[in-house]
Amino acid sequence: AVVSDRPHVLYNYFTQRFAQVTNPAIDPYRESLVMSVEVYLGRQGNVMAERPTFFQNVSTNNRLLRVDSPVLHEQELAAVKSSGLLTVELSTRYAYAEGPGTLEKRLSDLCYEASNAVRNGAELIIL
């Protein structure tokens, strides 16, 4: 209708026909038979590999923590921290007053810190 040579009423540009209606949001509560929001936290290895990944430290193999939702409240976060998984907390703060380049530098530093934490055995990183 936008590139048409024929004139259209303004109303035509703001209505949707049946086939143009978008799909509704996914609702995990009503569609619980076919989907889930539960999350497993911990060292999982490469989930795309043909064979399961096993780690040199045998005690970390198959050590996962099941959480009902990816959004945690304070009590759930405290339970995750005391679960026995090796957790590392990293700060996401940066100095806003020092200018726009500080965000980029802080993100770079955060990636470096997270990589080092994983290399040193961290099973879960909390931002």
Foldseek 3Di string as FASTA:
>chain_A
DVPDPDDDDPVVVVDDDPVRDDDDDDDCVVVVVVDAQKDKFWDFDDPPDPDGDADPPNVRPPDIDIDRHPDDDPVVVVCVVVVPAQEEEDDQDWDVVVDDVGNVVSVVVVVVVVVVCVVVPHTYYHD
